[in-house]
């Protein structure tokens, strides 16, 4: 080795490094995923597309409104904006067993309207392989079914995909006056 030039010595070191180096791990198959915000209403787990949820809040103080449906809790001032607050459990006629302190609000923004939807709990970001989607509607109360797009199953748990846009555009959701 003493009679090698510096360039030859570097090439020899590089060759020995390549022959003794451990190989890279095998590339795992990449699967396209769908992501959404998971939440719970009663015993049912739902997931809404990421782009349909603007914000997640603790339930703020609410000013009651006269002559509105029972599922309209009132309005709340959130950073200077008045937001109607709707209890999704009452809207879907599946009363909650959770105290208001433990519940959360999903803020949705459709067109120029902002609404706060009270849910029993937020289950965080959920990711599902796209090819695991089923367009079948799982067993749910009838009032929820018009807003369901299908479901995913993970670890024996059914995650129902719900469309906040369909909910927003539904006549019953828009008719809040008694």
N, C-alpha and C. Protein backbone atom coordinates (compact mmCIF):
# COMPACT_ATOMS: atom_id res chain seq x y z
N UNK A 1 0.81 -1.19 0.00
CA UNK A 1 0.00 0.00 0.00
C UNK A 1 0.85 1.26 0.00
N UNK A 2 2.10 1.12 0.45
CA UNK A 2 2.96 2.28 0.56
C UNK A 2 3.29 2.88 -0.80
N UNK A 3 3.28 2.06 -1.86
CA UNK A 3 3.63 2.58 -3.16
C UNK A 3 2.40 3.04 -3.96
N UNK A 4 1.25 3.21 -3.32
CA UNK A 4 0.03 3.71 -3.98
C UNK A 4 0.02 5.22 -3.96
N UNK A 5 -0.54 5.79 -4.99
CA UNK A 5 -0.74 7.24 -5.00
C UNK A 5 -1.94 7.56 -4.11
N UNK A 6 -2.08 8.80 -3.69
CA UNK A 6 -3.24 9.15 -2.85
C UNK A 6 -4.59 8.84 -3.52
N UNK A 7 -4.66 9.03 -4.82
CA UNK A 7 -5.92 8.75 -5.53
C UNK A 7 -6.20 7.25 -5.51
N UNK A 8 -5.18 6.43 -5.74
CA UNK A 8 -5.36 4.99 -5.73
C UNK A 8 -5.74 4.52 -4.33
N UNK A 9 -5.15 5.09 -3.31
CA UNK A 9 -5.47 4.75 -1.93
C UNK A 9 -6.94 5.07 -1.62
N UNK A 10 -7.42 6.24 -2.05
CA UNK A 10 -8.83 6.60 -1.82
C UNK A 10 -9.78 5.66 -2.56
N UNK A 11 -9.42 5.27 -3.80
CA UNK A 11 -10.26 4.33 -4.56
C UNK A 11 -10.30 2.97 -3.86
N UNK A 12 -9.16 2.55 -3.32
CA UNK A 12 -9.10 1.27 -2.61
C UNK A 12 -9.98 1.31 -1.35
N UNK A 13 -9.91 2.39 -0.61
CA UNK A 13 -10.74 2.54 0.60
C UNK A 13 -12.22 2.55 0.22
N UNK A 14 -12.59 3.27 -0.84
CA UNK A 14 -13.98 3.34 -1.28
C UNK A 14 -14.48 1.97 -1.69
N UNK A 15 -13.65 1.18 -2.41
CA UNK A 15 -14.03 -0.16 -2.84
C UNK A 15 -14.26 -1.07 -1.64
N UNK A 16 -13.37 -1.02 -0.65
CA UNK A 16 -13.53 -1.85 0.55
C UNK A 16 -14.77 -1.44 1.34
N UNK A 17 -15.06 -0.15 1.40
CA UNK A 17 -16.27 0.33 2.11
C UNK A 17 -17.53 -0.20 1.44
N UNK A 18 -17.56 -0.15 0.11
CA UNK A 18 -18.75 -0.63 -0.61
C UNK A 18 -18.95 -2.12 -0.46
N UNK A 19 -17.88 -2.90 -0.47
CA UNK A 19 -18.02 -4.35 -0.36
C UNK A 19 -18.40 -4.79 1.05
N UNK A 20 -18.04 -4.01 2.07
CA UNK A 20 -18.33 -4.40 3.45
C UNK A 20 -19.56 -3.69 4.03
N UNK A 21 -20.12 -2.75 3.31
CA UNK A 21 -21.26 -1.98 3.83
C UNK A 21 -22.51 -2.85 3.83
N UNK A 22 -23.32 -2.66 4.85
CA UNK A 22 -24.61 -3.35 4.91
C UNK A 22 -25.53 -2.75 3.87
N UNK A 23 -26.36 -3.57 3.28
CA UNK A 23 -27.29 -3.09 2.27
C UNK A 23 -28.39 -2.24 2.88
N UNK A 24 -29.02 -1.47 2.06
CA UNK A 24 -30.15 -0.66 2.50
C UNK A 24 -31.36 -1.57 2.74
N UNK A 25 -32.24 -1.20 3.66
CA UNK A 25 -33.43 -2.03 3.87
C UNK A 25 -34.28 -2.04 2.61
N UNK A 26 -35.02 -3.11 2.48
CA UNK A 26 -35.90 -3.24 1.32
C UNK A 26 -36.95 -2.14 1.35
N UNK A 27 -37.25 -1.59 0.20
CA UNK A 27 -38.30 -0.57 0.09
C UNK A 27 -39.64 -1.23 0.31
N UNK A 28 -40.36 -0.78 1.31
CA UNK A 28 -41.69 -1.32 1.54
C UNK A 28 -42.65 -0.72 0.53
N UNK A 29 -43.69 -1.48 0.26
CA UNK A 29 -44.69 -1.00 -0.69
C UNK A 29 -45.37 0.24 -0.10
N UNK A 30 -45.45 1.28 -0.88
CA UNK A 30 -46.09 2.51 -0.44
C UNK A 30 -47.55 2.44 -0.82
N UNK A 31 -48.43 2.64 0.17
CA UNK A 31 -49.86 2.62 -0.08
C UNK A 31 -50.42 4.02 0.09
N UNK A 32 -51.25 4.42 -0.85
CA UNK A 32 -51.89 5.73 -0.76
C UNK A 32 -52.86 5.72 0.41
N UNK A 33 -52.86 6.82 1.19
CA UNK A 33 -53.74 6.88 2.36
C UNK A 33 -54.72 8.04 2.25
N UNK A 34 -55.83 7.89 2.96
CA UNK A 34 -56.83 8.93 3.10
C UNK A 34 -56.78 9.34 4.56
N UNK A 35 -56.83 10.63 4.83
CA UNK A 35 -56.75 11.09 6.21
C UNK A 35 -57.93 11.97 6.56
N UNK A 36 -58.29 11.92 7.82
CA UNK A 36 -59.40 12.74 8.30
C UNK A 36 -59.31 12.93 9.80
N UNK A 37 -60.25 13.68 10.32
CA UNK A 37 -60.35 13.93 11.76
C UNK A 37 -61.37 12.94 12.32
N UNK A 38 -60.92 12.14 13.28
CA UNK A 38 -61.80 11.17 13.91
C UNK A 38 -62.53 11.78 15.09
N UNK A 39 -63.79 11.38 15.25
CA UNK A 39 -64.57 11.82 16.40
C UNK A 39 -65.59 10.76 16.75
N UNK A 40 -66.15 10.91 17.94
CA UNK A 40 -67.11 9.93 18.44
C UNK A 40 -68.42 10.60 18.80
N UNK A 41 -69.51 9.93 18.45
CA UNK A 41 -70.86 10.29 18.89
C UNK A 41 -71.44 9.03 19.51
N UNK A 42 -71.64 9.03 20.82
CA UNK A 42 -72.13 7.82 21.48
C UNK A 42 -71.13 6.69 21.27
N UNK A 43 -71.63 5.54 20.79
CA UNK A 43 -70.78 4.38 20.55
C UNK A 43 -70.24 4.32 19.13
N UNK A 44 -70.53 5.32 18.31
CA UNK A 44 -70.15 5.30 16.90
C UNK A 44 -68.94 6.20 16.66
N UNK A 45 -68.01 5.68 15.85
CA UNK A 45 -66.81 6.43 15.50
C UNK A 45 -66.94 6.92 14.07
N UNK A 46 -66.63 8.19 13.88
CA UNK A 46 -66.75 8.83 12.58
C UNK A 46 -65.42 9.46 12.19
N UNK A 47 -65.30 9.73 10.91
CA UNK A 47 -64.14 10.45 10.42
C UNK A 47 -64.62 11.38 9.30
N UNK A 48 -64.17 12.63 9.37
CA UNK A 48 -64.51 13.64 8.37
C UNK A 48 -63.23 14.06 7.66
N UNK A 49 -63.35 14.34 6.39
CA UNK A 49 -62.17 14.73 5.60
C UNK A 49 -61.48 15.93 6.24
N UNK A 50 -60.16 15.94 6.14
CA UNK A 50 -59.36 17.01 6.73
C UNK A 50 -59.80 18.39 6.26
N UNK A 51 -60.11 18.51 4.99
CA UNK A 51 -60.45 19.84 4.45
C UNK A 51 -61.85 20.30 4.84
N UNK A 52 -62.62 19.46 5.54
CA UNK A 52 -63.96 19.86 5.97
C UNK A 52 -63.98 20.40 7.41
N UNK A 53 -62.91 20.20 8.15
CA UNK A 53 -62.83 20.66 9.54
C UNK A 53 -61.82 21.82 9.59
N UNK A 54 -62.29 22.98 10.06
CA UNK A 54 -61.44 24.15 10.13
C UNK A 54 -60.66 24.22 11.43
N UNK A 55 -61.31 23.77 12.51
CA UNK A 55 -60.72 23.96 13.84
C UNK A 55 -61.38 23.02 14.82
N UNK A 56 -60.68 22.72 15.91
CA UNK A 56 -61.22 21.90 17.01
C UNK A 56 -61.10 22.74 18.28
N UNK A 57 -62.21 22.84 19.02
CA UNK A 57 -62.24 23.69 20.21
C UNK A 57 -62.83 22.94 21.40
N UNK A 58 -62.50 23.41 22.60
CA UNK A 58 -63.28 23.03 23.78
C UNK A 58 -64.63 23.73 23.63
N UNK A 59 -65.63 23.21 24.28
CA UNK A 59 -66.95 23.84 24.18
C UNK A 59 -66.93 25.17 24.93
N UNK A 60 -67.10 26.28 24.20
CA UNK A 60 -67.08 27.60 24.85
C UNK A 60 -68.44 27.91 25.48
N UNK A 61 -68.51 29.03 26.18
CA UNK A 61 -69.81 29.46 26.70
C UNK A 61 -70.71 29.81 25.52
N UNK A 62 -71.97 29.51 25.66
CA UNK A 62 -72.92 29.66 24.57
C UNK A 62 -74.08 30.54 25.03
N UNK A 63 -74.49 31.47 24.18
CA UNK A 63 -75.67 32.29 24.44
C UNK A 63 -76.85 31.62 23.75
N UNK A 64 -77.84 31.25 24.55
CA UNK A 64 -79.03 30.58 24.02
C UNK A 64 -79.82 31.52 23.12
N UNK A 65 -80.50 30.95 22.15
CA UNK A 65 -81.33 31.70 21.22
C UNK A 65 -82.78 31.27 21.38
N UNK A 66 -83.73 32.20 21.27
CA UNK A 66 -85.13 31.81 21.36
C UNK A 66 -85.61 31.23 20.03
N UNK A 67 -86.62 30.39 20.11
CA UNK A 67 -87.34 29.87 18.94
C UNK A 67 -86.45 29.13 17.95
N UNK A 68 -85.53 28.31 18.47
CA UNK A 68 -84.73 27.46 17.61
C UNK A 68 -84.92 26.00 18.03
N UNK A 69 -84.56 25.10 17.15
CA UNK A 69 -84.68 23.67 17.43
C UNK A 69 -83.81 23.31 18.63
N UNK A 70 -84.16 22.25 19.36
CA UNK A 70 -83.41 21.89 20.57
C UNK A 70 -81.94 21.55 20.32
N UNK A 71 -81.60 21.12 19.10
CA UNK A 71 -80.21 20.76 18.81
C UNK A 71 -79.34 21.98 18.56
N UNK A 72 -79.94 23.16 18.42
CA UNK A 72 -79.17 24.40 18.30
C UNK A 72 -78.93 24.91 19.72
N UNK A 73 -77.69 24.82 20.17
CA UNK A 73 -77.37 25.22 21.54
C UNK A 73 -77.34 26.73 21.70
N UNK A 74 -77.09 27.46 20.61
CA UNK A 74 -77.02 28.91 20.65
C UNK A 74 -75.88 29.41 19.80
N UNK A 75 -75.32 30.55 20.18
CA UNK A 75 -74.17 31.10 19.46
C UNK A 75 -73.04 31.35 20.46
N UNK A 76 -71.82 31.34 19.93
CA UNK A 76 -70.66 31.58 20.76
C UNK A 76 -69.72 32.54 20.04
N UNK A 77 -69.08 33.39 20.81
CA UNK A 77 -68.10 34.32 20.26
C UNK A 77 -66.73 33.64 20.28
N UNK A 78 -66.23 33.32 19.10
CA UNK A 78 -64.91 32.70 18.98
C UNK A 78 -64.01 33.67 18.22
N UNK A 79 -63.09 34.28 18.95
CA UNK A 79 -62.16 35.27 18.39
C UNK A 79 -62.88 36.35 17.58
N UNK A 80 -63.96 36.87 18.14
CA UNK A 80 -64.68 37.97 17.51
C UNK A 80 -65.69 37.57 16.46
N UNK A 81 -65.87 36.28 16.23
CA UNK A 81 -66.86 35.81 15.26
C UNK A 81 -67.94 35.03 15.97
N UNK A 82 -69.20 35.36 15.67
CA UNK A 82 -70.31 34.61 16.25
C UNK A 82 -70.52 33.33 15.46
N UNK A 83 -70.47 32.21 16.17
CA UNK A 83 -70.59 30.90 15.54
C UNK A 83 -71.80 30.17 16.11
N UNK A 84 -72.74 29.74 15.25
CA UNK A 84 -73.83 28.89 15.74
C UNK A 84 -73.25 27.57 16.26
N UNK A 85 -73.76 27.12 17.39
CA UNK A 85 -73.27 25.89 18.01
C UNK A 85 -74.39 24.85 17.97
N UNK A 86 -74.10 23.73 17.29
CA UNK A 86 -75.09 22.67 17.09
C UNK A 86 -74.61 21.41 17.79
N UNK A 87 -75.49 20.79 18.55
CA UNK A 87 -75.19 19.52 19.21
C UNK A 87 -75.51 18.39 18.24
N UNK A 88 -74.48 17.74 17.70
CA UNK A 88 -74.71 16.69 16.70
C UNK A 88 -75.45 15.50 17.27
N UNK A 89 -75.21 15.18 18.55
CA UNK A 89 -75.95 14.07 19.16
C UNK A 89 -77.45 14.35 19.13
N UNK A 90 -77.85 15.56 19.49
CA UNK A 90 -79.28 15.91 19.47
C UNK A 90 -79.80 16.00 18.04
N UNK A 91 -79.00 16.52 17.12
CA UNK A 91 -79.42 16.61 15.72
C UNK A 91 -79.70 15.21 15.16
N UNK A 92 -78.83 14.26 15.49
CA UNK A 92 -78.99 12.89 15.00
C UNK A 92 -79.90 12.05 15.89
N UNK A 93 -80.46 12.68 16.93
CA UNK A 93 -81.37 12.01 17.86
C UNK A 93 -80.72 10.82 18.55
N UNK A 94 -79.47 11.00 18.94
CA UNK A 94 -78.73 10.00 19.71
C UNK A 94 -78.10 10.71 20.91
N UNK A 95 -78.89 11.00 21.96
CA UNK A 95 -78.40 11.80 23.08
C UNK A 95 -77.07 11.31 23.66
N UNK A 96 -76.24 12.25 24.04
CA UNK A 96 -74.91 11.96 24.57
C UNK A 96 -74.96 11.63 26.05
N UNK A 97 -74.03 10.79 26.47
CA UNK A 97 -73.86 10.48 27.89
C UNK A 97 -72.67 11.25 28.48
N UNK A 98 -71.98 12.02 27.64
CA UNK A 98 -70.81 12.78 28.07
C UNK A 98 -71.22 14.11 28.68
N UNK A 99 -70.45 14.56 29.67
CA UNK A 99 -70.70 15.90 30.21
C UNK A 99 -70.18 16.92 29.21
N UNK A 100 -70.76 18.09 29.20
CA UNK A 100 -70.35 19.14 28.25
C UNK A 100 -68.87 19.49 28.42
N UNK A 101 -68.35 19.36 29.61
CA UNK A 101 -66.94 19.66 29.87
C UNK A 101 -66.00 18.75 29.08
N UNK A 102 -66.41 17.50 28.85
CA UNK A 102 -65.55 16.54 28.13
C UNK A 102 -65.77 16.55 26.62
N UNK A 103 -66.78 17.23 26.16
CA UNK A 103 -67.09 17.23 24.73
C UNK A 103 -66.26 18.28 23.99
N UNK A 104 -66.24 18.21 22.67
CA UNK A 104 -65.47 19.13 21.84
C UNK A 104 -66.32 19.68 20.71
N UNK A 105 -65.80 20.74 20.08
CA UNK A 105 -66.49 21.34 18.93
C UNK A 105 -65.60 21.19 17.71
N UNK A 106 -66.22 20.72 16.63
CA UNK A 106 -65.58 20.72 15.31
C UNK A 106 -66.13 21.93 14.58
N UNK A 107 -65.28 22.81 14.16
CA UNK A 107 -65.72 24.00 13.42
C UNK A 107 -65.66 23.66 11.94
N UNK A 108 -66.81 23.85 11.27
CA UNK A 108 -66.86 23.64 9.83
C UNK A 108 -67.18 24.97 9.16
N UNK A 109 -66.64 25.14 7.99
CA UNK A 109 -66.85 26.38 7.24
C UNK A 109 -67.25 25.98 5.83
N UNK A 110 -68.49 26.24 5.48
CA UNK A 110 -69.00 25.94 4.15
C UNK A 110 -69.51 27.23 3.54
N UNK A 111 -68.96 27.56 2.39
CA UNK A 111 -69.31 28.82 1.72
C UNK A 111 -69.02 29.97 2.68
N UNK A 112 -69.98 30.77 3.05
CA UNK A 112 -69.73 31.87 3.99
C UNK A 112 -70.27 31.58 5.38
N UNK A 113 -70.69 30.36 5.62
CA UNK A 113 -71.29 30.01 6.91
C UNK A 113 -70.30 29.19 7.74
N UNK A 114 -70.20 29.54 9.01
CA UNK A 114 -69.35 28.82 9.96
C UNK A 114 -70.27 28.23 11.02
N UNK A 115 -70.05 26.96 11.35
CA UNK A 115 -70.83 26.30 12.39
C UNK A 115 -69.89 25.55 13.32
N UNK A 116 -70.27 25.47 14.58
CA UNK A 116 -69.56 24.66 15.56
C UNK A 116 -70.40 23.45 15.88
N UNK A 117 -69.86 22.27 15.66
CA UNK A 117 -70.59 21.03 15.89
C UNK A 117 -70.06 20.34 17.14
N UNK A 118 -70.91 20.19 18.14
CA UNK A 118 -70.51 19.54 19.38
C UNK A 118 -70.52 18.03 19.16
N UNK A 119 -69.38 17.38 19.49
CA UNK A 119 -69.24 15.93 19.41
C UNK A 119 -68.80 15.42 20.78
N UNK A 120 -68.97 14.12 21.01
CA UNK A 120 -68.62 13.55 22.32
C UNK A 120 -67.12 13.59 22.60
N UNK A 121 -66.32 13.28 21.58
CA UNK A 121 -64.86 13.36 21.74
C UNK A 121 -64.22 13.44 20.36
N UNK A 122 -63.01 13.97 20.34
CA UNK A 122 -62.22 14.00 19.11
C UNK A 122 -61.15 12.94 19.25
N UNK A 123 -61.04 12.10 18.25
CA UNK A 123 -60.13 10.95 18.28
C UNK A 123 -58.84 11.21 17.49
N UNK A 124 -58.60 12.46 17.12
CA UNK A 124 -57.35 12.82 16.45
C UNK A 124 -57.33 12.52 14.96
N UNK A 125 -56.15 12.67 14.38
CA UNK A 125 -55.97 12.38 12.96
C UNK A 125 -56.06 10.87 12.74
N UNK A 126 -56.76 10.49 11.69
CA UNK A 126 -56.90 9.08 11.35
C UNK A 126 -56.43 8.89 9.91
N UNK A 127 -55.67 7.84 9.68
CA UNK A 127 -55.15 7.53 8.35
C UNK A 127 -55.59 6.13 7.97
N UNK A 128 -56.08 5.99 6.74
CA UNK A 128 -56.54 4.71 6.25
C UNK A 128 -56.02 4.47 4.84
N UNK A 129 -55.60 3.24 4.52
CA UNK A 129 -55.24 2.95 3.14
C UNK A 129 -56.47 3.15 2.24
N UNK A 130 -56.29 3.86 1.14
CA UNK A 130 -57.40 4.19 0.25
C UNK A 130 -58.12 2.94 -0.23
N UNK A 131 -57.37 1.88 -0.52
CA UNK A 131 -58.02 0.67 -1.05
C UNK A 131 -58.77 -0.13 0.01
N UNK A 132 -58.74 0.29 1.30
CA UNK A 132 -59.53 -0.36 2.35
C UNK A 132 -60.92 0.26 2.48
N UNK A 133 -61.23 1.28 1.69
CA UNK A 133 -62.52 1.97 1.79
C UNK A 133 -63.64 1.07 1.29
N UNK A 134 -64.75 1.09 2.01
CA UNK A 134 -65.96 0.39 1.58
C UNK A 134 -67.08 1.41 1.47
N UNK A 135 -67.78 1.40 0.36
CA UNK A 135 -68.89 2.33 0.15
C UNK A 135 -70.17 1.92 0.87
N UNK A 136 -70.15 0.76 1.55
CA UNK A 136 -71.33 0.30 2.28
C UNK A 136 -71.57 1.19 3.50
N UNK A 137 -72.83 1.38 3.82
CA UNK A 137 -73.20 2.16 5.01
C UNK A 137 -73.32 1.19 6.17
N UNK A 138 -72.52 1.39 7.23
CA UNK A 138 -72.61 0.49 8.38
C UNK A 138 -73.92 0.68 9.14
N UNK A 139 -74.17 -0.18 10.09
CA UNK A 139 -75.38 -0.11 10.90
C UNK A 139 -75.33 1.15 11.77
N UNK A 140 -76.22 2.09 11.46
CA UNK A 140 -76.28 3.37 12.16
C UNK A 140 -77.73 3.80 12.30
N UNK A 141 -78.01 4.74 13.20
CA UNK A 141 -79.36 5.31 13.24
C UNK A 141 -79.72 5.93 11.89
N UNK A 142 -80.97 5.82 11.50
CA UNK A 142 -81.43 6.27 10.18
C UNK A 142 -81.13 7.74 9.92
N UNK A 143 -81.20 8.56 10.93
CA UNK A 143 -81.01 10.00 10.73
C UNK A 143 -79.58 10.36 10.30
N UNK A 144 -78.62 9.48 10.57
CA UNK A 144 -77.22 9.74 10.22
C UNK A 144 -76.92 9.29 8.78
N UNK A 145 -77.60 8.28 8.30
CA UNK A 145 -77.27 7.64 7.03
C UNK A 145 -77.20 8.56 5.81
N UNK A 146 -78.02 9.61 5.68
CA UNK A 146 -77.90 10.45 4.48
C UNK A 146 -76.55 11.17 4.35
N UNK A 147 -75.79 11.24 5.42
CA UNK A 147 -74.53 11.98 5.41
C UNK A 147 -73.31 11.07 5.34
N UNK A 148 -73.55 9.76 5.24
CA UNK A 148 -72.48 8.78 5.25
C UNK A 148 -72.03 8.47 3.82
N UNK A 149 -70.72 8.45 3.64
CA UNK A 149 -70.13 8.12 2.32
C UNK A 149 -69.60 6.70 2.26
N UNK A 150 -69.42 6.06 3.40
CA UNK A 150 -68.87 4.70 3.47
C UNK A 150 -68.13 4.53 4.78
N UNK A 151 -67.20 3.59 4.80
CA UNK A 151 -66.46 3.38 6.05
C UNK A 151 -65.13 2.68 5.82
N UNK A 152 -64.30 2.72 6.85
CA UNK A 152 -63.05 1.98 6.94
C UNK A 152 -63.13 1.12 8.18
N UNK A 153 -62.38 0.02 8.20
CA UNK A 153 -62.28 -0.81 9.40
C UNK A 153 -60.81 -0.93 9.75
N UNK A 154 -60.50 -0.65 11.02
CA UNK A 154 -59.13 -0.81 11.50
C UNK A 154 -59.20 -1.38 12.91
N UNK A 155 -58.49 -2.46 13.14
CA UNK A 155 -58.46 -3.12 14.45
C UNK A 155 -59.88 -3.41 14.95
N UNK A 156 -60.71 -3.93 14.08
CA UNK A 156 -62.10 -4.30 14.38
C UNK A 156 -63.00 -3.10 14.69
N UNK A 157 -62.47 -1.89 14.56
CA UNK A 157 -63.27 -0.68 14.81
C UNK A 157 -63.74 -0.10 13.48
N UNK A 158 -65.05 0.13 13.36
CA UNK A 158 -65.61 0.72 12.15
C UNK A 158 -65.52 2.24 12.28
N UNK A 159 -64.92 2.87 11.28
CA UNK A 159 -64.81 4.33 11.19
C UNK A 159 -65.70 4.77 10.04
N UNK A 160 -66.81 5.37 10.35
CA UNK A 160 -67.77 5.82 9.34
C UNK A 160 -67.34 7.16 8.78
N UNK A 161 -67.25 7.24 7.45
CA UNK A 161 -66.87 8.49 6.79
C UNK A 161 -68.14 9.33 6.62
N UNK A 162 -68.12 10.50 7.23
CA UNK A 162 -69.28 11.38 7.19
C UNK A 162 -68.92 12.65 6.42
N UNK A 163 -69.84 13.14 5.63
CA UNK A 163 -69.61 14.33 4.83
C UNK A 163 -70.20 15.55 5.53
N UNK A 164 -69.32 16.45 5.96
CA UNK A 164 -69.78 17.68 6.58
C UNK A 164 -70.44 18.58 5.54
N UNK A 165 -70.02 18.48 4.30
CA UNK A 165 -70.64 19.27 3.23
C UNK A 165 -72.09 18.82 3.01
N UNK A 166 -72.33 17.50 2.98
CA UNK A 166 -73.69 17.00 2.83
C UNK A 166 -74.55 17.42 4.02
N UNK A 167 -73.97 17.37 5.23
CA UNK A 167 -74.69 17.80 6.42
C UNK A 167 -75.08 19.27 6.30
N UNK A 168 -74.11 20.09 5.95
CA UNK A 168 -74.35 21.53 5.82
C UNK A 168 -75.46 21.83 4.81
N UNK A 169 -75.46 21.13 3.69
CA UNK A 169 -76.42 21.42 2.62
C UNK A 169 -77.80 20.80 2.84
N UNK A 170 -77.94 19.97 3.85
CA UNK A 170 -79.22 19.31 4.10
C UNK A 170 -80.26 20.31 4.61
N UNK A 171 -81.47 20.21 4.09
CA UNK A 171 -82.54 21.15 4.45
C UNK A 171 -82.80 21.20 5.94
N UNK A 172 -82.81 20.03 6.61
CA UNK A 172 -83.11 19.99 8.04
C UNK A 172 -82.04 20.73 8.84
N UNK A 173 -80.79 20.63 8.42
CA UNK A 173 -79.69 21.32 9.11
C UNK A 173 -79.82 22.83 8.97
N UNK A 174 -80.31 23.28 7.84
CA UNK A 174 -80.45 24.71 7.58
C UNK A 174 -81.70 25.31 8.21
N UNK A 175 -82.70 24.50 8.52
CA UNK A 175 -83.95 25.00 9.10
C UNK A 175 -83.89 24.91 10.61
N UNK A 176 -83.37 25.94 11.24
CA UNK A 176 -83.15 25.91 12.69
C UNK A 176 -84.31 26.53 13.49
N UNK A 177 -85.15 27.30 12.83
CA UNK A 177 -86.26 27.96 13.55
C UNK A 177 -87.35 26.96 13.89
N UNK A 178 -87.99 27.19 15.04
CA UNK A 178 -89.11 26.34 15.47
C UNK A 178 -90.36 26.75 14.74
